[in-house]
Amino acid sequence: MKYICLGYIDENMFNAKSEKEQKNFVDECMTYDKELRKNKNFIGGEALQSIRTATTIRYKNGKPIITDGPFAETKEQLGGIMILEARDLNHAIQLMSNHPSTRLGGTWEIRPADEQINALYQEKEKYSMASHQKET
């Protein structure tokens, strides 16, 4: 089963670390991610740039409102996502509990992927591609 893991970090805490401490933190996380890949639990993921580069879009009075920065004012910000393959939620929790970022102050939110909705998107995409190929 696929799980989407949202990784949160306090950017101020990370930025307060020395360059060597930051590098060690990243190296430790990458080493664990490599182990997840080796065991075929890591499907994909991306680190995100700082919240200073974030833009939030929401609708108000029927119009999109664009705001710089994250939507919520919190101490921790979304720092990246990881897609895991795990037997069940307990397995996903076990895998992410061992992630070095958790021990170093990070937080992971783990959610099952919605396989039903994703299958609908894949079917629509396949149909769209087939229709496009017939047109060309």
N, C-alpha and C. Protein backbone atom coordinates (compact mmCIF):
# COMPACT_ATOMS: atom_id res chain seq x y z
N MET A 1 0.84 -1.17 0.00
CA MET A 1 0.00 0.00 0.00
C MET A 1 0.89 1.24 0.00
N LYS A 2 0.45 2.27 -0.70
CA LYS A 2 1.21 3.52 -0.77
C LYS A 2 0.80 4.46 0.36
N TYR A 3 1.80 5.12 0.93
CA TYR A 3 1.58 6.14 1.95
C TYR A 3 2.32 7.40 1.54
N ILE A 4 1.64 8.52 1.69
CA ILE A 4 2.25 9.82 1.43
C ILE A 4 2.67 10.37 2.78
N CYS A 5 3.94 10.70 2.89
CA CYS A 5 4.50 11.21 4.15
C CYS A 5 4.90 12.67 3.95
N LEU A 6 4.30 13.52 4.74
CA LEU A 6 4.57 14.95 4.67
C LEU A 6 5.52 15.30 5.80
N GLY A 7 6.70 15.78 5.43
CA GLY A 7 7.73 16.07 6.43
C GLY A 7 7.75 17.54 6.80
N TYR A 8 7.64 17.81 8.09
CA TYR A 8 7.63 19.18 8.60
C TYR A 8 8.90 19.45 9.40
N ILE A 9 9.39 20.67 9.28
CA ILE A 9 10.60 21.06 9.98
C ILE A 9 10.50 22.52 10.41
N ASP A 10 11.12 22.84 11.50
CA ASP A 10 11.22 24.23 11.96
C ASP A 10 12.44 24.84 11.26
N GLU A 11 12.20 25.65 10.24
CA GLU A 11 13.31 26.22 9.47
C GLU A 11 14.25 27.04 10.33
N ASN A 12 13.71 27.75 11.32
CA ASN A 12 14.57 28.56 12.19
C ASN A 12 15.55 27.68 12.97
N MET A 13 15.06 26.53 13.44
CA MET A 13 15.92 25.61 14.17
C MET A 13 17.02 25.08 13.25
N PHE A 14 16.64 24.71 12.03
CA PHE A 14 17.61 24.19 11.07
C PHE A 14 18.64 25.27 10.71
N ASN A 15 18.16 26.48 10.44
CA ASN A 15 19.06 27.57 10.05
C ASN A 15 19.99 27.99 11.18
N ALA A 16 19.61 27.73 12.43
CA ALA A 16 20.45 28.07 13.58
C ALA A 16 21.62 27.10 13.74
N LYS A 17 21.56 25.95 13.06
CA LYS A 17 22.65 24.98 13.14
C LYS A 17 23.84 25.46 12.31
N SER A 18 25.02 24.99 12.69
CA SER A 18 26.21 25.32 11.91
C SER A 18 26.13 24.64 10.55
N GLU A 19 26.94 25.09 9.63
CA GLU A 19 26.95 24.48 8.30
C GLU A 19 27.28 22.99 8.38
N LYS A 20 28.21 22.64 9.26
CA LYS A 20 28.58 21.24 9.44
C LYS A 20 27.42 20.43 10.00
N GLU A 21 26.70 21.00 10.98
CA GLU A 21 25.54 20.30 11.56
C GLU A 21 24.44 20.11 10.51
N GLN A 22 24.22 21.13 9.68
CA GLN A 22 23.23 21.02 8.61
C GLN A 22 23.62 19.91 7.64
N LYS A 23 24.89 19.88 7.25
CA LYS A 23 25.37 18.86 6.32
C LYS A 23 25.23 17.47 6.93
N ASN A 24 25.59 17.33 8.20
CA ASN A 24 25.46 16.03 8.87
C ASN A 24 24.00 15.58 8.92
N PHE A 25 23.09 16.52 9.20
CA PHE A 25 21.65 16.23 9.23
C PHE A 25 21.19 15.71 7.86
N VAL A 26 21.55 16.44 6.81
CA VAL A 26 21.14 16.04 5.45
C VAL A 26 21.76 14.69 5.09
N ASP A 27 23.03 14.51 5.40
CA ASP A 27 23.71 13.24 5.10
C ASP A 27 23.03 12.07 5.81
N GLU A 28 22.69 12.26 7.06
CA GLU A 28 22.03 11.20 7.84
C GLU A 28 20.67 10.85 7.23
N CYS A 29 19.92 11.88 6.83
CA CYS A 29 18.61 11.64 6.20
C CYS A 29 18.78 10.92 4.87
N MET A 30 19.76 11.34 4.07
CA MET A 30 19.97 10.72 2.77
C MET A 30 20.41 9.26 2.90
N THR A 31 21.19 8.97 3.93
CA THR A 31 21.61 7.59 4.18
C THR A 31 20.40 6.71 4.48
N TYR A 32 19.48 7.22 5.30
CA TYR A 32 18.29 6.44 5.63
C TYR A 32 17.39 6.30 4.39
N ASP A 33 17.26 7.38 3.62
CA ASP A 33 16.45 7.32 2.40
C ASP A 33 17.01 6.27 1.44
N LYS A 34 18.33 6.17 1.37
CA LYS A 34 18.99 5.17 0.52
C LYS A 34 18.61 3.75 0.99
N GLU A 35 18.55 3.56 2.31
CA GLU A 35 18.15 2.27 2.86
C GLU A 35 16.69 1.96 2.50
N LEU A 36 15.82 2.98 2.56
CA LEU A 36 14.42 2.78 2.16
C LEU A 36 14.33 2.39 0.69
N ARG A 37 15.15 3.01 -0.16
CA ARG A 37 15.17 2.66 -1.58
C ARG A 37 15.62 1.20 -1.77
N LYS A 38 16.70 0.84 -1.08
CA LYS A 38 17.25 -0.51 -1.19
C LYS A 38 16.20 -1.55 -0.82
N ASN A 39 15.40 -1.26 0.19
CA ASN A 39 14.36 -2.19 0.65
C ASN A 39 13.05 -2.04 -0.11
N LYS A 40 13.06 -1.20 -1.15
CA LYS A 40 11.90 -0.97 -2.02
C LYS A 40 10.71 -0.36 -1.29
N ASN A 41 10.98 0.41 -0.24
CA ASN A 41 9.91 1.13 0.45
C ASN A 41 9.78 2.56 -0.08
N PHE A 42 10.86 3.11 -0.61
CA PHE A 42 10.87 4.48 -1.11
C PHE A 42 10.42 4.47 -2.57
N ILE A 43 9.28 5.11 -2.84
CA ILE A 43 8.76 5.19 -4.20
C ILE A 43 9.15 6.52 -4.84
N GLY A 44 9.16 7.56 -4.05
CA GLY A 44 9.50 8.88 -4.56
C GLY A 44 9.43 9.91 -3.47
N GLY A 45 9.87 11.09 -3.79
CA GLY A 45 9.81 12.18 -2.83
C GLY A 45 10.54 13.40 -3.34
N GLU A 46 10.31 14.49 -2.71
CA GLU A 46 10.94 15.76 -3.07
C GLU A 46 11.11 16.61 -1.83
N ALA A 47 12.27 17.25 -1.75
CA ALA A 47 12.47 18.28 -0.73
C ALA A 47 11.89 19.57 -1.29
N LEU A 48 11.43 20.42 -0.42
CA LEU A 48 10.86 21.71 -0.84
C LEU A 48 11.80 22.85 -0.45
N GLN A 49 11.76 23.91 -1.24
CA GLN A 49 12.51 25.10 -0.90
C GLN A 49 11.90 25.75 0.33
N SER A 50 12.56 26.76 0.84
CA SER A 50 12.13 27.48 2.04
C SER A 50 10.71 28.05 1.88
N ILE A 51 10.06 28.26 3.01
CA ILE A 51 8.73 28.87 2.99
C ILE A 51 8.77 30.28 2.42
N ARG A 52 9.96 30.88 2.38
CA ARG A 52 10.08 32.22 1.79
C ARG A 52 9.73 32.21 0.30
N THR A 53 9.78 31.04 -0.34
CA THR A 53 9.47 30.93 -1.76
C THR A 53 8.06 30.41 -2.00
N ALA A 54 7.30 30.16 -0.94
CA ALA A 54 5.96 29.57 -1.06
C ALA A 54 4.93 30.61 -1.49
N THR A 55 3.94 30.14 -2.20
CA THR A 55 2.78 30.95 -2.58
C THR A 55 1.54 30.13 -2.27
N THR A 56 0.54 30.77 -1.67
CA THR A 56 -0.71 30.10 -1.34
C THR A 56 -1.83 30.71 -2.17
N ILE A 57 -2.68 29.84 -2.73
CA ILE A 57 -3.84 30.29 -3.51
C ILE A 57 -5.09 29.75 -2.85
N ARG A 58 -6.06 30.62 -2.65
CA ARG A 58 -7.36 30.18 -2.15
C ARG A 58 -8.41 31.10 -2.75
N TYR A 59 -9.65 30.67 -2.76
CA TYR A 59 -10.74 31.47 -3.32
C TYR A 59 -11.46 32.23 -2.23
N LYS A 60 -11.79 33.47 -2.53
CA LYS A 60 -12.59 34.29 -1.64
C LYS A 60 -13.49 35.15 -2.51
N ASN A 61 -14.78 35.12 -2.23
CA ASN A 61 -15.75 35.86 -3.02
C ASN A 61 -15.66 35.54 -4.51
N GLY A 62 -15.43 34.26 -4.82
CA GLY A 62 -15.41 33.83 -6.21
C GLY A 62 -14.14 34.15 -6.98
N LYS A 63 -13.12 34.68 -6.31
CA LYS A 63 -11.88 35.05 -7.00
C LYS A 63 -10.69 34.43 -6.28
N PRO A 64 -9.65 34.08 -7.05
CA PRO A 64 -8.45 33.55 -6.40
C PRO A 64 -7.70 34.67 -5.66
N ILE A 65 -7.27 34.35 -4.45
CA ILE A 65 -6.46 35.26 -3.65
C ILE A 65 -5.08 34.62 -3.53
N ILE A 66 -4.06 35.35 -3.94
CA ILE A 66 -2.70 34.83 -3.90
C ILE A 66 -1.97 35.51 -2.75
N THR A 67 -1.33 34.69 -1.91
CA THR A 67 -0.61 35.17 -0.73
C THR A 67 0.79 34.61 -0.74
N ASP A 68 1.77 35.42 -0.43
CA ASP A 68 3.13 34.91 -0.28
C ASP A 68 3.22 34.11 0.99
N GLY A 69 3.95 33.01 0.94
CA GLY A 69 4.18 32.21 2.13
C GLY A 69 3.15 31.13 2.31
N PRO A 70 3.33 30.34 3.36
CA PRO A 70 2.38 29.24 3.63
C PRO A 70 1.06 29.79 4.14
N PHE A 71 0.04 28.98 4.03
CA PHE A 71 -1.31 29.38 4.44
C PHE A 71 -1.39 29.57 5.95
N ALA A 72 -0.83 28.65 6.69
CA ALA A 72 -0.95 28.68 8.15
C ALA A 72 0.33 29.22 8.79
N GLU A 73 0.17 29.98 9.82
CA GLU A 73 1.32 30.46 10.59
C GLU A 73 1.61 29.43 11.67
N THR A 74 2.63 28.64 11.46
CA THR A 74 3.00 27.62 12.43
C THR A 74 4.50 27.65 12.62
N LYS A 75 4.95 27.01 13.66
CA LYS A 75 6.38 26.92 13.93
C LYS A 75 7.05 25.99 12.92
N GLU A 76 6.39 24.91 12.56
CA GLU A 76 6.93 23.97 11.59
C GLU A 76 6.28 24.19 10.23
N GLN A 77 7.09 24.02 9.19
CA GLN A 77 6.60 24.17 7.83
C GLN A 77 6.85 22.89 7.06
N LEU A 78 6.05 22.68 6.02
CA LEU A 78 6.22 21.53 5.17
C LEU A 78 7.57 21.64 4.47
N GLY A 79 8.42 20.65 4.66
CA GLY A 79 9.76 20.67 4.10
C GLY A 79 9.95 19.70 2.96
N GLY A 80 9.06 18.72 2.82
CA GLY A 80 9.19 17.76 1.75
C GLY A 80 8.14 16.68 1.85
N ILE A 81 8.09 15.87 0.80
CA ILE A 81 7.16 14.75 0.77
C ILE A 81 7.92 13.48 0.41
N MET A 82 7.40 12.37 0.87
CA MET A 82 7.96 11.08 0.52
C MET A 82 6.80 10.13 0.26
N ILE A 83 6.94 9.31 -0.77
CA ILE A 83 5.94 8.31 -1.06
C ILE A 83 6.56 6.95 -0.71
N LEU A 84 5.89 6.25 0.18
CA LEU A 84 6.38 4.95 0.67
C LEU A 84 5.50 3.82 0.19
N GLU A 85 6.10 2.67 0.05
CA GLU A 85 5.35 1.43 -0.11
C GLU A 85 5.53 0.70 1.22
N ALA A 86 4.41 0.38 1.88
CA ALA A 86 4.47 -0.29 3.18
C ALA A 86 3.33 -1.31 3.26
N ARG A 87 3.51 -2.31 4.09
CA ARG A 87 2.48 -3.36 4.24
C ARG A 87 1.17 -2.78 4.76
N ASP A 88 1.30 -1.86 5.72
CA ASP A 88 0.13 -1.27 6.35
C ASP A 88 0.59 -0.01 7.08
N LEU A 89 -0.35 0.66 7.75
CA LEU A 89 -0.02 1.90 8.44
C LEU A 89 1.04 1.68 9.51
N ASN A 90 0.95 0.59 10.24
CA ASN A 90 1.95 0.33 11.29
C ASN A 90 3.36 0.21 10.70
N HIS A 91 3.46 -0.42 9.54
CA HIS A 91 4.75 -0.54 8.88
C HIS A 91 5.26 0.84 8.45
N ALA A 92 4.38 1.67 7.89
CA ALA A 92 4.76 3.03 7.48
C ALA A 92 5.22 3.84 8.69
N ILE A 93 4.51 3.69 9.80
CA ILE A 93 4.89 4.40 11.04
C ILE A 93 6.27 3.94 11.50
N GLN A 94 6.49 2.64 11.46
CA GLN A 94 7.79 2.11 11.85
C GLN A 94 8.90 2.68 10.98
N LEU A 95 8.69 2.70 9.65
CA LEU A 95 9.71 3.21 8.74
C LEU A 95 10.01 4.68 9.01
N MET A 96 8.98 5.49 9.19
CA MET A 96 9.20 6.92 9.37
C MET A 96 9.67 7.24 10.79
N SER A 97 9.36 6.41 11.75
CA SER A 97 9.85 6.61 13.12
C SER A 97 11.37 6.48 13.17
N ASN A 98 11.92 5.70 12.25
CA ASN A 98 13.36 5.50 12.20
C ASN A 98 14.08 6.56 11.36
N HIS A 99 13.33 7.45 10.72
CA HIS A 99 13.95 8.48 9.89
C HIS A 99 14.71 9.45 10.79
N PRO A 100 15.96 9.76 10.46
CA PRO A 100 16.76 10.65 11.31
C PRO A 100 16.12 12.02 11.54
N SER A 101 15.37 12.51 10.57
CA SER A 101 14.76 13.83 10.74
C SER A 101 13.80 13.86 11.91
N THR A 102 13.17 12.73 12.22
CA THR A 102 12.26 12.66 13.37
C THR A 102 13.02 12.85 14.67
N ARG A 103 14.16 12.19 14.78
CA ARG A 103 14.98 12.32 16.00
C ARG A 103 15.58 13.71 16.13
N LEU A 104 15.72 14.41 15.00
CA LEU A 104 16.36 15.73 15.02
C LEU A 104 15.35 16.87 15.03
N GLY A 105 14.12 16.58 15.40
CA GLY A 105 13.12 17.64 15.58
C GLY A 105 12.08 17.75 14.49
N GLY A 106 12.16 16.92 13.46
CA GLY A 106 11.17 16.97 12.39
C GLY A 106 9.92 16.19 12.76
N THR A 107 8.87 16.41 11.99
CA THR A 107 7.59 15.74 12.19
C THR A 107 7.15 15.16 10.85
N TRP A 108 6.58 13.98 10.87
CA TRP A 108 6.04 13.36 9.66
C TRP A 108 4.55 13.11 9.83
N GLU A 109 3.77 13.57 8.87
CA GLU A 109 2.35 13.24 8.79
C GLU A 109 2.23 12.14 7.74
N ILE A 110 1.59 11.03 8.09
CA ILE A 110 1.51 9.87 7.20
C ILE A 110 0.05 9.65 6.82
N ARG A 111 -0.19 9.60 5.51
CA ARG A 111 -1.55 9.35 5.03
C ARG A 111 -1.54 8.30 3.94
N PRO A 112 -2.51 7.39 3.97
CA PRO A 112 -2.61 6.43 2.86
C PRO A 112 -2.97 7.17 1.58
N ALA A 113 -2.36 6.73 0.48
CA ALA A 113 -2.75 7.27 -0.83
C ALA A 113 -4.18 6.79 -1.11
N ASP A 114 -4.95 7.60 -1.80
CA ASP A 114 -6.31 7.22 -2.17
C ASP A 114 -6.25 6.46 -3.49
N GLU A 115 -6.10 5.15 -3.39
CA GLU A 115 -5.91 4.31 -4.56
C GLU A 115 -7.10 4.38 -5.52
N GLN A 116 -8.30 4.54 -4.99
CA GLN A 116 -9.49 4.61 -5.82
C GLN A 116 -9.47 5.87 -6.71
N ILE A 117 -9.21 7.02 -6.11
CA ILE A 117 -9.15 8.27 -6.87
C ILE A 117 -7.96 8.24 -7.85
N ASN A 118 -6.81 7.74 -7.38
CA ASN A 118 -5.64 7.67 -8.25
C ASN A 118 -5.90 6.77 -9.45
N ALA A 119 -6.62 5.68 -9.27
CA ALA A 119 -6.97 4.79 -10.38
C ALA A 119 -7.87 5.51 -11.38
N LEU A 120 -8.80 6.34 -10.89
CA LEU A 120 -9.66 7.12 -11.79
C LEU A 120 -8.83 8.10 -12.62
N TYR A 121 -7.88 8.79 -11.96
CA TYR A 121 -7.00 9.72 -12.69
C TYR A 121 -6.19 8.98 -13.75
N GLN A 122 -5.65 7.82 -13.41
CA GLN A 122 -4.85 7.06 -14.37
C GLN A 122 -5.70 6.61 -15.55
N GLU A 123 -6.93 6.19 -15.28
CA GLU A 123 -7.83 5.76 -16.35
C GLU A 123 -8.16 6.94 -17.26
N LYS A 124 -8.46 8.10 -16.68
CA LYS A 124 -8.76 9.31 -17.47
C LYS A 124 -7.55 9.70 -18.31
N GLU A 125 -6.36 9.62 -17.73
CA GLU A 125 -5.13 9.98 -18.43
C GLU A 125 -4.90 9.03 -19.60
N LYS A 126 -5.12 7.73 -19.38
CA LYS A 126 -4.94 6.74 -20.44
C LYS A 126 -5.92 7.01 -21.58
N TYR A 127 -7.17 7.32 -21.22
CA TYR A 127 -8.20 7.62 -22.22
C TYR A 127 -7.84 8.88 -22.99
N SER A 128 -7.38 9.89 -22.28
CA SER A 128 -6.99 11.17 -22.90
C SER A 128 -5.84 10.98 -23.87
N MET A 129 -4.85 10.19 -23.47
CA MET A 129 -3.69 9.94 -24.34
C MET A 129 -4.11 9.16 -25.59
N ALA A 130 -4.99 8.17 -25.43
CA ALA A 130 -5.47 7.38 -26.56
C ALA A 130 -6.26 8.28 -27.53
N SER A 131 -7.08 9.17 -27.01
CA SER A 131 -7.84 10.10 -27.84
C SER A 131 -6.92 11.04 -28.58
N HIS A 132 -5.88 11.51 -27.90
CA HIS A 132 -4.92 12.44 -28.51
C HIS A 132 -4.16 11.75 -29.64
N GLN A 133 -3.80 10.47 -29.46
CA GLN A 133 -3.06 9.74 -30.48
C GLN A 133 -3.92 9.52 -31.73
N LYS A 134 -5.23 9.32 -31.56
CA LYS A 134 -6.13 9.15 -32.69
C LYS A 134 -6.26 10.44 -33.50
N GLU A 135 -6.16 11.61 -32.79
CA GLU A 135 -6.29 12.90 -33.46
C GLU A 135 -5.07 13.25 -34.28
N THR A 136 -3.92 12.73 -33.89
CA THR A 136 -2.68 13.08 -34.61
C THR A 136 -2.30 12.11 -35.68
